[in-house]
Amino acid sequence: MLSGLVPAAGAVASPVSGTPSSIRAAEDPATPTEGMPDDGFENEPESEQDDFAGAGTGTGAGAATATPAPSAAALAAAPVPGRAGDFKLVTGSDISGLVTKLDAALPKQGLTELMEQANRPAGWEGACGTAGIYGPDLAVNHRVCWKSDDATSSEWVPQAITGVSDAQEDEDWGTSNSDPIAVAAYDAENPGRSDYASGAGNCLASPTTDACNEKGIRVSFFNQATQMYRHVLLVWPYMNSKDHISFDALHAREGKCVGTVTPSCAAQNGIHAGGMVWYGNYLYVADTANGMRVFDLRKIMDLNPDNNADVDDKTPDGLTSNVVDKRRIGRQNNVWYGYGYRYVMPQVATLKFSTAKNGGTTSGNQCYATGRPKASYISLDRTGTDHLILGEYCNTNNGGTSPGRVGTYPMTALTAAVEGAPGTVAEADLAYGLPAGGTFNGEALWHKIQGVNRYEGKWYFHRSNGYSNGRLLQATPGTVDGTSQLVGNAKTLASSFGPEDLYLAHGRGDGFAPQLWSLSEHAPSSKCGACKREVYSYNMSEVISDFG
């Protein structure tokens, strides 16, 4: 949250009328509790990308019980086939008209200016303190640590990483020298939405907390030149019941609660955003059960352009915006809110899997050899023709028929789909099942994958391990029994506690050595007192050398 930017909640004077925003005429719905349209997305399974989900609890630090060793037959099984057709993506319904309406209603801010106004200080290198979360196999080159409230938040959990090296071949963004790195975090609280009429879980009542209401996904843009960062809330545009453009936080399913909010109505179950790629003007965000949601960095909306939170700003549509009240979202009572965030970025397109789902359960993070994949993590390969790589997190301890699959898409196809009419198809041009064989901590090595990157023909995977050191894995395309498959390197490299997504800063634009970036997700807790949240990089040359 922007606790360092805004004062405590309260009535804020309008620069137009001087009337407190809390008592203006309620032309628009006072609350979005009911009547929110379903956004057309399937709900994600609970405990997505969770090493401890279901029966498989792992054997790393903090595990509740030991996981039974898989059978020899399971470990020796051949990799599942890679079927590129299963990864087909199709452009969803056209929401460009909604984005245009929102664009006309609210002021915009460019990323260069946003980076110059980054308001939260990060720790850099030695300022991050002890390096106990890192394994002995790789020397950490750069370290970034979050401001204290973000480093310890139980609400926001970092998952995905991308940066300007994905966005631009020359690694320059406009006139900025900030070399931005972007990290996505999901709202792990999942409290559902208040039922304001009955007072149940009323997020508008005082006292309240910043964690009230499911906020979806936020992206933190880090300025490497100043070591400052800024949060941007991702949102979804819709027309409200008064036929006015509005937006809500990003969710897999809105649902409708009638009367008291209960778990059964599933009013707001957020997405995980386990992977993210910034390419050109577009930000691709993984939506596990559906495919990808796409955002446009030319459409970052600014709810406080005068940088004075004490006064509501006038908006181009003649209303005002408020960044003090952290409990409201979208257009309410003729005032624009963003849960206290200054910046919001609306979804502009959807890329959905078109293959039918396999019928097996996914409640314990199970995966299957055929059918629609999961979009658990994504990354960009710029070492040849630009490709986006998409892969699955799977927990084979709980069953299923696959440790995971990966597929690749030409970026030209994805861009055409984003900018095309509904139904435009983006085909994957390659797919593999993850390698077979190998054990780690008494269970299969090749599962629990949190991130992937392909560099100069070799594949690199981040494998999590509960609250202990994960592993960086390597695989190479090869042929097994006449079938093209990924063949795993027997060597593994100890990585950080809670390792997540991967991002390759190639360095060709600025003359730097290539860096393999990642991040750790776990905050210090009773389950893992030594855990820390950091963004970090390894020299890619050392990664390659250490794998041999």
Protein backbone atom coordinates (compact mmCIF):
# COMPACT_ATOMS: atom_id res chain seq x y z
CA MET A 1 0.00 0.00 0.00
CA LEU A 2 1.03 3.64 -0.33
CA SER A 3 1.20 4.20 3.41
CA GLY A 4 4.24 6.38 2.93
CA LEU A 5 2.41 8.66 0.51
CA VAL A 6 -1.02 9.39 1.94
CA PRO A 7 -2.29 10.46 5.37
CA ALA A 8 -4.98 8.66 7.36
CA ALA A 9 -8.39 8.30 5.72
CA GLY A 10 -10.89 11.11 6.16
CA ALA A 11 -13.14 13.52 4.31
CA VAL A 12 -11.21 15.36 1.60
CA ALA A 13 -12.18 18.74 0.23
CA SER A 14 -12.94 18.96 -3.45
CA PRO A 15 -11.02 21.66 -5.35
CA VAL A 16 -14.19 22.22 -7.35
CA SER A 17 -17.02 22.50 -4.85
CA GLY A 18 -15.42 22.21 -1.43
CA THR A 19 -18.04 19.58 -0.56
CA PRO A 20 -16.62 16.54 1.27
CA SER A 21 -16.55 13.62 -1.14
CA SER A 22 -18.25 11.41 1.45
CA ILE A 23 -21.56 13.32 1.28
CA ARG A 24 -21.94 14.12 -2.41
CA ALA A 25 -25.02 13.04 -4.32
CA ALA A 26 -24.96 9.32 -4.98
CA GLU A 27 -25.40 9.37 -8.72
CA ASP A 28 -23.35 6.19 -8.97
CA PRO A 29 -23.66 3.13 -6.76
CA ALA A 30 -22.26 3.87 -3.31
CA THR A 31 -20.74 0.40 -3.18
CA PRO A 32 -19.97 -2.27 -5.77
CA THR A 33 -21.24 -5.11 -3.58
CA GLU A 34 -23.90 -6.33 -5.98
CA GLY A 35 -24.45 -6.04 -9.70
CA MET A 36 -20.79 -6.41 -10.67
CA PRO A 37 -20.66 -8.15 -14.06
CA ASP A 38 -18.82 -11.44 -14.29
CA ASP A 39 -15.59 -10.86 -16.22
CA GLY A 40 -15.92 -14.15 -18.07
CA PHE A 41 -12.89 -15.83 -16.53
CA GLU A 42 -12.77 -19.21 -14.86
CA ASN A 43 -11.90 -19.23 -11.19
CA GLU A 44 -8.45 -20.42 -10.20
CA PRO A 45 -8.03 -23.41 -7.91
CA GLU A 46 -7.19 -22.67 -4.31
CA SER A 47 -3.56 -22.92 -3.16
CA GLU A 48 -2.21 -22.31 -6.65
CA GLN A 49 1.57 -22.83 -6.81
CA ASP A 50 1.73 -24.07 -3.23
CA ASP A 51 4.43 -26.58 -2.29
CA PHE A 52 2.36 -27.62 0.73
CA ALA A 53 -0.99 -28.05 -1.05
CA GLY A 54 -2.91 -31.27 -0.53
CA ALA A 55 -1.07 -34.44 0.44
CA GLY A 56 2.36 -33.37 -0.81
CA THR A 57 3.93 -31.23 1.91
CA GLY A 58 7.55 -31.47 0.85
CA THR A 59 10.52 -32.10 3.10
CA GLY A 60 12.15 -28.69 3.20
CA ALA A 61 12.30 -26.50 6.30
CA GLY A 62 8.86 -25.73 7.60
CA ALA A 63 7.20 -28.80 6.10
CA ALA A 64 4.54 -30.36 8.27
CA THR A 65 5.31 -33.98 7.40
CA ALA A 66 7.64 -35.89 5.14
CA THR A 67 6.43 -36.75 1.66
CA PRO A 68 6.55 -40.44 0.75
CA ALA A 69 9.21 -41.14 -1.87
CA PRO A 70 7.75 -41.67 -5.33
CA SER A 71 7.97 -45.13 -6.80
CA ALA A 72 10.91 -46.13 -8.96
CA ALA A 73 8.55 -46.56 -11.87
CA ALA A 74 7.29 -43.01 -11.47
CA LEU A 75 10.82 -41.60 -11.41
CA ALA A 76 11.87 -43.57 -14.49
CA ALA A 77 8.78 -42.69 -16.50
CA ALA A 78 9.32 -41.00 -19.82
CA PRO A 79 8.49 -37.28 -20.06
CA VAL A 80 4.95 -36.48 -21.09
CA PRO A 81 4.56 -35.49 -24.74
CA GLY A 82 4.64 -31.85 -25.65
CA ARG A 83 1.59 -31.02 -27.78
CA ALA A 84 1.78 -27.46 -29.09
CA GLY A 85 -1.89 -27.54 -30.07
CA ASP A 86 -2.92 -27.76 -26.42
CA PHE A 87 -1.37 -24.31 -25.84
CA LYS A 88 -3.47 -22.46 -28.43
CA LEU A 89 -4.61 -18.98 -27.30
CA VAL A 90 -7.56 -16.99 -28.66
CA THR A 91 -8.32 -13.30 -28.28
CA GLY A 92 -11.23 -12.72 -25.89
CA SER A 93 -14.07 -10.24 -26.16
CA ASP A 94 -13.27 -6.71 -27.31
CA ILE A 95 -12.93 -4.31 -24.35
CA SER A 96 -11.22 -1.53 -26.29
CA GLY A 97 -14.36 0.60 -26.11
CA LEU A 98 -14.31 0.39 -22.31
CA VAL A 99 -10.64 1.34 -22.23
CA THR A 100 -11.31 4.31 -24.53
CA LYS A 101 -14.05 5.54 -22.18
CA LEU A 102 -11.76 5.19 -19.19
CA ASP A 103 -8.98 6.92 -21.08
CA ALA A 104 -11.27 9.90 -21.67
CA ALA A 105 -12.41 10.03 -18.04
CA LEU A 106 -9.04 9.96 -16.27
CA PRO A 107 -5.64 11.60 -16.73
CA LYS A 108 -2.70 9.44 -17.84
CA GLN A 109 0.90 9.19 -16.75
CA GLY A 110 3.85 7.85 -18.75
CA LEU A 111 6.19 5.27 -17.24
CA THR A 112 9.17 7.64 -17.56
CA GLU A 113 7.42 10.21 -15.39
CA LEU A 114 6.18 7.53 -13.03
CA MET A 115 9.75 6.34 -12.53
CA GLU A 116 10.89 9.89 -11.82
CA GLN A 117 8.18 10.13 -9.15
CA ALA A 118 8.86 6.74 -7.58
CA ASN A 119 8.14 7.24 -3.91
CA ARG A 120 9.31 4.16 -2.03
CA PRO A 121 12.99 3.60 -1.18
CA ALA A 122 14.46 0.15 -1.74
CA GLY A 123 17.56 -1.34 -0.21
CA TRP A 124 20.38 -2.04 -2.65
CA GLU A 125 23.22 -4.55 -2.41
CA GLY A 126 24.78 -4.53 1.10
CA ALA A 127 21.97 -2.40 2.49
CA CYS A 128 19.79 -5.53 2.30
CA GLY A 129 21.73 -7.04 5.20
CA THR A 130 22.35 -10.73 5.68
CA ALA A 131 22.35 -12.99 2.64
CA GLY A 132 21.29 -16.14 4.45
CA ILE A 133 18.44 -16.95 2.06
CA TYR A 134 20.88 -17.74 -0.76
CA GLY A 135 22.50 -21.08 -1.47
CA PRO A 136 26.26 -21.68 -1.75
CA ASP A 137 26.37 -22.60 -5.45
CA LEU A 138 25.90 -19.18 -7.06
CA ALA A 139 27.25 -15.74 -6.18
CA VAL A 140 24.47 -13.17 -6.02
CA ASN A 141 25.44 -10.17 -8.15
CA HIS A 142 22.69 -7.63 -7.40
CA ARG A 143 20.25 -7.50 -4.48
CA VAL A 144 17.16 -5.34 -4.04
CA CYS A 145 15.05 -5.38 -0.88
CA TRP A 146 11.67 -3.80 -0.28
CA LYS A 147 10.57 -1.08 2.10
CA SER A 148 9.71 -2.62 5.47
CA ASP A 149 5.92 -2.75 5.06
CA ASP A 150 6.21 -4.47 1.67
CA ALA A 151 8.94 -6.79 2.94
CA THR A 152 6.69 -8.10 5.71
CA SER A 153 3.17 -7.72 4.24
CA SER A 154 0.87 -10.70 4.70
CA GLU A 155 -1.40 -9.22 2.05
CA TRP A 156 0.93 -8.69 -0.92
CA VAL A 157 3.11 -11.64 -1.98
CA PRO A 158 5.62 -11.05 -4.84
CA GLN A 159 5.60 -13.60 -7.67
CA ALA A 160 6.50 -12.38 -11.16
CA ILE A 161 9.36 -10.35 -12.63
CA THR A 162 10.13 -8.69 -15.95
CA GLY A 163 11.94 -5.54 -17.07
CA VAL A 164 13.02 -3.16 -19.76
CA SER A 165 15.31 -5.80 -21.31
CA ASP A 166 12.15 -7.76 -22.17
CA ALA A 167 10.41 -4.61 -23.32
CA GLN A 168 13.05 -3.23 -25.67
CA GLU A 169 15.98 -4.79 -27.48
CA ASP A 170 18.01 -1.60 -26.84
CA GLU A 171 16.97 -1.61 -23.17
CA ASP A 172 15.95 2.06 -23.30
CA TRP A 173 12.48 3.25 -22.35
CA GLY A 174 11.82 6.71 -23.75
CA THR A 175 14.15 9.27 -22.22
CA SER A 176 14.43 7.39 -18.94
CA ASN A 177 17.71 5.98 -17.67
CA SER A 178 15.94 4.08 -14.91
CA ASP A 179 16.29 0.59 -16.50
CA PRO A 180 12.97 -0.39 -14.89
CA ILE A 181 12.39 -3.78 -13.33
CA ALA A 182 8.74 -4.72 -12.75
CA VAL A 183 7.55 -7.14 -10.06
CA ALA A 184 3.95 -8.36 -9.69
CA ALA A 185 2.44 -9.31 -6.33
CA TYR A 186 -0.94 -10.88 -5.61
CA ASP A 187 -3.32 -10.16 -2.75
CA ALA A 188 -3.02 -13.26 -0.59
CA GLU A 189 -5.60 -12.22 1.99
CA ASN A 190 -8.62 -13.06 -0.24
CA PRO A 191 -11.13 -11.67 2.26
CA GLY A 192 -13.99 -11.42 -0.22
CA ARG A 193 -16.05 -8.29 -0.56
CA SER A 194 -17.99 -6.65 2.24
CA ASP A 195 -21.75 -6.87 2.46
CA TYR A 196 -22.33 -3.22 3.20
CA ALA A 197 -26.10 -3.48 3.67
CA SER A 198 -25.90 -5.97 6.53
CA GLY A 199 -22.63 -4.66 7.95
CA ALA A 200 -20.92 -8.03 7.61
CA GLY A 201 -17.20 -7.51 7.09
CA ASN A 202 -17.93 -3.88 6.35
CA CYS A 203 -14.83 -2.37 4.82
CA LEU A 204 -16.32 1.12 5.03
CA ALA A 205 -16.75 0.93 8.80
CA SER A 206 -14.11 2.36 11.10
CA PRO A 207 -11.73 1.03 12.21
CA THR A 208 -10.62 -0.88 9.15
CA THR A 209 -7.37 -2.19 7.71
CA ASP A 210 -5.62 -1.82 4.39
CA ALA A 211 -6.17 -5.55 3.83
CA CYS A 212 -9.95 -5.10 3.61
CA ASN A 213 -11.32 -6.30 0.24
CA GLU A 214 -9.56 -8.40 -2.37
CA LYS A 215 -7.34 -6.04 -4.39
CA GLY A 216 -6.11 -8.46 -7.04
CA ILE A 217 -2.69 -7.66 -8.49
CA ARG A 218 -0.28 -4.77 -8.21
CA VAL A 219 2.93 -4.17 -10.17
CA SER A 220 5.92 -2.46 -8.56
CA PHE A 221 8.21 -0.60 -10.98
CA PHE A 222 11.76 -0.29 -9.64
CA ASN A 223 14.10 2.48 -10.83
CA GLN A 224 17.61 1.05 -10.86
CA ALA A 225 19.19 4.50 -11.17
CA THR A 226 17.60 5.88 -7.99
CA GLN A 227 16.78 2.63 -6.13
CA MET A 228 13.20 3.86 -5.72
CA TYR A 229 10.00 2.08 -6.73
CA ARG A 230 6.29 2.73 -7.21
CA HIS A 231 3.18 0.54 -7.05
CA VAL A 232 0.56 0.42 -9.83
CA LEU A 233 -2.76 -1.38 -9.26
CA LEU A 234 -4.02 -3.53 -12.15
CA VAL A 235 -7.73 -3.08 -12.82
CA TRP A 236 -10.53 -4.32 -15.05
CA PRO A 237 -12.85 -1.81 -16.83
CA TYR A 238 -16.64 -2.26 -16.88
CA MET A 239 -19.85 -0.23 -17.21
CA ASN A 240 -21.59 0.20 -13.86
CA SER A 241 -25.33 0.04 -13.17
CA LYS A 242 -25.70 3.74 -14.02
CA ASP A 243 -24.10 3.05 -17.44
CA HIS A 244 -20.94 4.91 -16.44
CA ILE A 245 -17.44 3.65 -17.07
CA SER A 246 -15.75 2.32 -13.94
CA PHE A 247 -13.10 -0.20 -12.91
CA ASP A 248 -12.59 -2.85 -10.29
CA ALA A 249 -9.54 -4.70 -9.02
CA LEU A 250 -8.41 -7.73 -10.99
CA HIS A 251 -10.16 -10.99 -10.18
CA ALA A 252 -10.69 -14.38 -11.71
CA ARG A 253 -14.41 -14.21 -11.00
CA GLU A 254 -16.60 -11.43 -9.64
CA GLY A 255 -19.57 -13.47 -8.48
CA LYS A 256 -22.66 -11.96 -6.87
CA CYS A 257 -23.33 -12.12 -3.16
CA VAL A 258 -26.98 -11.70 -2.20
CA GLY A 259 -27.32 -10.79 1.45
CA THR A 260 -24.44 -11.76 3.68
CA VAL A 261 -21.12 -12.50 2.01
CA THR A 262 -20.13 -16.12 2.58
CA PRO A 263 -17.34 -18.31 1.16
CA SER A 264 -19.90 -20.12 -1.00
CA CYS A 265 -20.67 -17.04 -3.09
CA ALA A 266 -16.95 -16.67 -3.99
CA ALA A 267 -17.40 -12.98 -4.58
CA GLN A 268 -13.75 -12.17 -5.22
CA ASN A 269 -11.13 -14.83 -5.69
CA GLY A 270 -8.00 -13.19 -7.05
CA ILE A 271 -5.53 -14.47 -9.64
CA HIS A 272 -1.99 -15.55 -8.80
CA ALA A 273 0.05 -13.70 -11.47
CA GLY A 274 2.89 -16.20 -11.26
CA GLY A 275 4.58 -14.81 -14.38
CA MET A 276 4.78 -11.57 -16.32
CA VAL A 277 6.37 -10.33 -19.56
CA TRP A 278 6.72 -6.69 -20.61
CA TYR A 279 7.08 -6.52 -24.39
CA GLY A 280 6.88 -3.21 -26.23
CA ASN A 281 3.93 -1.31 -24.80
CA TYR A 282 2.18 -4.43 -23.52
CA LEU A 283 2.38 -6.16 -20.16
CA TYR A 284 1.36 -9.85 -20.31
CA VAL A 285 0.25 -11.28 -16.95
CA ALA A 286 -0.29 -15.01 -16.41
CA ASP A 287 -3.80 -16.02 -15.35
CA THR A 288 -3.42 -19.66 -14.34
CA ALA A 289 -6.83 -21.04 -15.25
CA ASN A 290 -7.44 -18.90 -18.32
CA GLY A 291 -4.32 -17.80 -20.21
CA MET A 292 -3.05 -14.22 -20.08
CA ARG A 293 -4.44 -10.79 -19.32
CA VAL A 294 -2.82 -7.94 -21.23
CA PHE A 295 -2.21 -4.33 -20.14
CA ASP A 296 -0.93 -1.29 -22.02
CA LEU A 297 1.72 0.93 -20.42
CA ARG A 298 0.40 3.84 -22.47
CA LYS A 299 -2.80 3.62 -20.38
CA ILE A 300 -1.49 4.13 -16.84
CA MET A 301 -4.13 6.31 -15.14
CA ASP A 302 -3.08 8.93 -12.58
CA LEU A 303 -5.54 9.63 -9.75
CA ASN A 304 -3.34 12.30 -8.14
CA PRO A 305 -1.55 14.27 -10.87
CA ASP A 306 -0.80 17.27 -8.62
CA ASN A 307 0.95 14.91 -6.16
CA ASN A 308 -1.04 16.43 -3.30
CA ALA A 309 -3.10 13.76 -1.58
CA ASP A 310 -4.79 16.30 0.72
CA VAL A 311 -7.01 17.65 -2.09
CA ASP A 312 -9.14 15.63 -4.50
CA ASP A 313 -8.01 16.27 -8.09
CA LYS A 314 -10.42 17.22 -10.85
CA THR A 315 -10.61 14.59 -13.59
CA PRO A 316 -11.21 15.17 -17.34
CA ASP A 317 -14.80 13.88 -17.03
CA GLY A 318 -15.64 16.66 -14.56
CA LEU A 319 -15.51 14.45 -11.45
CA THR A 320 -12.75 14.17 -8.87
CA SER A 321 -10.32 11.48 -7.71
CA ASN A 322 -9.34 10.49 -4.19
CA VAL A 323 -6.16 8.66 -3.11
CA VAL A 324 -6.76 8.87 0.64
CA ASP A 325 -9.60 6.39 1.05
CA LYS A 326 -8.03 2.93 0.79
CA ARG A 327 -11.36 1.10 1.07
CA ARG A 328 -13.04 2.04 -2.22
CA ILE A 329 -12.41 1.20 -5.88
CA GLY A 330 -13.63 2.64 -9.18
CA ARG A 331 -16.26 5.35 -9.63
CA GLN A 332 -18.41 5.75 -6.51
CA ASN A 333 -20.60 8.76 -5.64
CA ASN A 334 -19.01 10.65 -8.56
CA VAL A 335 -15.52 10.21 -7.13
CA TRP A 336 -12.77 7.98 -8.51
CA TYR A 337 -10.93 5.69 -6.07
CA GLY A 338 -8.12 3.14 -6.41
CA TYR A 339 -7.85 1.59 -2.93
CA GLY A 340 -5.50 4.45 -2.05
CA TYR A 341 -3.18 3.89 -5.02
CA ARG A 342 -2.26 6.83 -7.18
CA TYR A 343 -1.78 4.77 -10.34
CA VAL A 344 -4.08 2.19 -11.92
CA MET A 345 -3.54 0.36 -15.21
CA PRO A 346 -6.59 -1.18 -16.95
CA GLN A 347 -6.67 -4.48 -18.76
CA VAL A 348 -6.88 -3.94 -22.53
CA ALA A 349 -7.10 -7.48 -23.91
CA THR A 350 -7.42 -11.15 -23.02
CA LEU A 351 -5.72 -14.22 -24.46
CA LYS A 352 -7.62 -17.38 -23.46
CA PHE A 353 -6.76 -21.04 -23.86
CA SER A 354 -9.14 -22.67 -26.33
CA THR A 355 -8.34 -26.32 -25.56
CA ALA A 356 -10.75 -28.10 -23.23
CA LYS A 357 -9.53 -28.80 -19.71
CA ASN A 358 -8.53 -32.26 -18.65
CA GLY A 359 -11.18 -33.69 -16.35
CA GLY A 360 -8.86 -34.43 -13.44
CA THR A 361 -8.86 -32.52 -10.18
CA THR A 362 -6.39 -29.67 -9.64
CA SER A 363 -7.17 -29.06 -5.96
CA GLY A 364 -3.67 -30.21 -4.96
CA ASN A 365 -1.86 -28.56 -7.88
CA GLN A 366 -2.11 -31.66 -10.07
CA CYS A 367 -1.32 -31.40 -13.77
CA TYR A 368 -2.11 -33.56 -16.78
CA ALA A 369 -0.30 -34.69 -19.89
CA THR A 370 -3.00 -33.52 -22.27
CA GLY A 371 -5.62 -30.82 -22.43
CA ARG A 372 -5.47 -27.14 -21.53
CA PRO A 373 -2.25 -26.20 -19.70
CA LYS A 374 -1.95 -23.88 -16.74
CA ALA A 375 -0.43 -20.44 -17.22
CA SER A 376 1.61 -20.62 -14.02
CA TYR A 377 4.65 -18.64 -15.21
CA ILE A 378 5.83 -16.88 -18.36
CA SER A 379 9.08 -15.32 -19.62
CA LEU A 380 10.69 -13.93 -22.79
CA ASP A 381 13.47 -15.41 -24.90
CA ARG A 382 15.27 -12.73 -26.98
CA THR A 383 18.26 -14.85 -28.00
CA GLY A 384 16.69 -15.77 -31.33
CA THR A 385 13.35 -14.83 -32.79
CA ASP A 386 11.47 -13.32 -29.86
CA HIS A 387 9.31 -15.90 -28.09
CA LEU A 388 7.17 -15.96 -24.98
CA ILE A 389 7.52 -19.13 -22.89
CA LEU A 390 4.62 -20.38 -20.79
CA GLY A 391 4.75 -23.21 -18.28
CA GLU A 392 2.94 -25.06 -15.51
CA TYR A 393 3.49 -25.39 -11.78
CA CYS A 394 2.59 -28.95 -10.76
CA ASN A 395 2.80 -30.96 -7.55
CA THR A 396 3.13 -34.62 -8.52
CA ASN A 397 2.99 -35.71 -4.88
CA ASN A 398 -0.77 -35.28 -5.16
CA GLY A 399 -1.24 -37.27 -8.37
CA GLY A 400 -1.95 -36.14 -11.88
CA THR A 401 -0.22 -37.44 -14.98
CA SER A 402 2.38 -34.72 -15.62
CA PRO A 403 5.13 -32.86 -13.75
CA GLY A 404 4.43 -29.92 -16.06
CA ARG A 405 4.66 -28.73 -19.63
CA VAL A 406 6.14 -25.68 -21.37
CA GLY A 407 5.18 -24.09 -24.67
CA THR A 408 6.55 -21.22 -26.77
CA TYR A 409 4.79 -18.53 -28.82
CA PRO A 410 6.28 -16.17 -31.41
CA MET A 411 5.79 -12.65 -30.06
CA THR A 412 4.57 -11.57 -33.49
CA ALA A 413 1.63 -13.95 -33.09
CA LEU A 414 0.81 -12.72 -29.58
CA THR A 415 0.98 -9.05 -30.59
CA ALA A 416 -1.29 -9.74 -33.56
CA ALA A 417 -3.77 -11.46 -31.25
CA VAL A 418 -3.74 -8.61 -28.73
CA GLU A 419 -4.38 -6.08 -31.48
CA GLY A 420 -6.73 -8.31 -33.48
CA ALA A 421 -10.45 -8.97 -33.43
CA PRO A 422 -12.05 -11.36 -30.93
CA GLY A 423 -11.28 -14.94 -31.91
CA THR A 424 -7.82 -14.18 -33.34
CA VAL A 425 -5.64 -17.24 -32.74
CA ALA A 426 -2.08 -17.31 -31.40
CA GLU A 427 -0.56 -20.75 -31.95
CA ALA A 428 2.30 -22.17 -29.91
CA ASP A 429 5.11 -23.34 -32.19
CA LEU A 430 6.79 -25.71 -29.73
CA ALA A 431 5.90 -27.62 -26.56
CA TYR A 432 7.70 -30.02 -24.24
CA GLY A 433 6.90 -32.01 -21.15
CA LEU A 434 9.37 -31.41 -18.33
CA PRO A 435 12.26 -33.90 -18.05
CA ALA A 436 11.78 -37.14 -16.16
CA GLY A 437 14.01 -38.73 -13.57
CA GLY A 438 15.98 -37.43 -10.62
CA THR A 439 15.09 -37.01 -6.97
CA PHE A 440 15.35 -34.14 -4.51
CA ASN A 441 14.55 -34.33 -0.79
CA GLY A 442 12.95 -37.74 -1.30
CA GLU A 443 10.57 -36.67 -4.05
CA ALA A 444 10.63 -36.08 -7.80
CA LEU A 445 13.05 -33.38 -8.88
CA TRP A 446 11.16 -32.14 -11.93
CA HIS A 447 8.02 -30.59 -10.52
CA LYS A 448 7.15 -27.54 -8.35
CA ILE A 449 8.54 -25.27 -11.07
CA GLN A 450 8.00 -21.57 -10.40
CA GLY A 451 9.79 -19.96 -13.35
CA VAL A 452 11.47 -20.64 -16.68
CA ASN A 453 13.88 -18.97 -19.06
CA ARG A 454 15.41 -20.09 -22.34
CA TYR A 455 18.81 -18.66 -23.20
CA GLU A 456 20.89 -19.54 -26.25
CA GLY A 457 19.04 -22.81 -26.71
CA LYS A 458 19.23 -24.09 -23.13
CA TRP A 459 16.33 -24.06 -20.68
CA TYR A 460 16.55 -22.89 -17.06
CA PHE A 461 13.93 -23.60 -14.41
CA HIS A 462 13.40 -22.39 -10.84
CA ARG A 463 12.23 -25.21 -8.60
CA SER A 464 10.79 -24.27 -5.17
CA ASN A 465 11.35 -26.18 -1.95
CA GLY A 466 8.94 -24.99 0.71
CA TYR A 467 10.69 -22.68 3.17
CA SER A 468 14.18 -23.85 2.29
CA ASN A 469 16.59 -23.28 -0.61
CA GLY A 470 15.10 -23.99 -3.99
CA ARG A 471 17.07 -25.18 -7.00
CA LEU A 472 18.00 -23.77 -10.38
CA LEU A 473 17.72 -26.52 -12.98
CA GLN A 474 18.93 -26.80 -16.58
CA ALA A 475 17.62 -28.82 -19.51
CA THR A 476 18.59 -29.19 -23.14
CA PRO A 477 16.42 -30.23 -26.10
CA GLY A 478 17.32 -33.73 -27.18
CA THR A 479 15.92 -36.97 -28.54
CA VAL A 480 14.81 -39.88 -26.37
CA ASP A 481 13.62 -43.03 -28.14
CA GLY A 482 13.21 -41.01 -31.31
CA THR A 483 11.04 -38.35 -29.65
CA SER A 484 12.12 -34.72 -29.22
CA GLN A 485 12.22 -34.02 -25.47
CA LEU A 486 13.88 -31.88 -22.84
CA VAL A 487 16.74 -33.73 -21.18
CA GLY A 488 17.56 -32.56 -17.65
CA ASN A 489 21.08 -31.79 -16.47
CA ALA A 490 21.85 -34.02 -13.49
CA LYS A 491 23.46 -31.07 -11.72
CA THR A 492 21.33 -28.66 -9.70
CA LEU A 493 22.30 -25.30 -8.18
CA ALA A 494 21.01 -24.16 -4.78
CA SER A 495 19.01 -20.94 -5.12
CA SER A 496 17.14 -18.74 -2.65
CA PHE A 497 14.40 -19.55 -0.18
CA GLY A 498 11.06 -19.27 -1.98
CA PRO A 499 12.43 -18.79 -5.54
CA GLU A 500 9.96 -17.53 -8.11
CA ASP A 501 9.82 -16.23 -11.69
CA LEU A 502 12.89 -15.70 -13.95
CA TYR A 503 13.84 -12.68 -16.10
CA LEU A 504 16.91 -12.39 -18.32
CA ALA A 505 18.44 -8.92 -18.71
CA HIS A 506 20.54 -9.56 -21.81
CA GLY A 507 22.68 -6.40 -21.51
CA ARG A 508 23.19 -5.95 -25.23
CA GLY A 509 21.70 -2.47 -25.22
CA ASP A 510 23.86 -1.03 -22.45
CA GLY A 511 26.98 -3.19 -22.65
CA PHE A 512 26.42 -5.02 -19.35
CA ALA A 513 26.97 -8.71 -18.76
CA PRO A 514 23.73 -10.72 -19.00
CA GLN A 515 21.95 -11.09 -15.66
CA LEU A 516 19.47 -13.79 -14.66
CA TRP A 517 17.04 -12.08 -12.28
CA SER A 518 14.59 -13.65 -9.87
CA LEU A 519 12.90 -12.95 -6.54
CA SER A 520 12.01 -14.62 -3.27
CA GLU A 521 8.41 -14.63 -2.05
CA HIS A 522 8.47 -15.51 1.66
CA ALA A 523 8.37 -12.85 4.36
CA PRO A 524 9.85 -13.66 7.77
CA SER A 525 7.33 -15.65 9.81
CA SER A 526 6.95 -18.20 12.57
CA LYS A 527 7.29 -20.87 9.87
CA CYS A 528 10.48 -19.38 8.44
CA GLY A 529 12.28 -16.88 10.63
CA ALA A 530 15.21 -16.70 8.19
CA CYS A 531 13.06 -15.91 5.14
CA LYS A 532 13.38 -12.55 3.37
CA ARG A 533 11.84 -10.96 0.29
CA GLU A 534 14.47 -9.80 -2.17
CA VAL A 535 14.93 -9.29 -5.91
CA TYR A 536 18.30 -10.61 -7.03
CA SER A 537 20.44 -11.48 -10.03
CA TYR A 538 23.14 -13.95 -10.98
CA ASN A 539 25.72 -13.40 -13.69
CA MET A 540 24.46 -15.57 -16.53
CA SER A 541 28.02 -16.53 -17.44
CA GLU A 542 28.45 -18.06 -13.97
CA VAL A 543 25.14 -19.92 -14.25
CA ILE A 544 26.24 -21.44 -17.55
CA SER A 545 29.71 -22.28 -16.24
CA ASP A 546 28.44 -23.88 -13.03
CA PHE A 547 26.16 -26.21 -14.94
CA GLY A 548 29.20 -27.37 -16.95
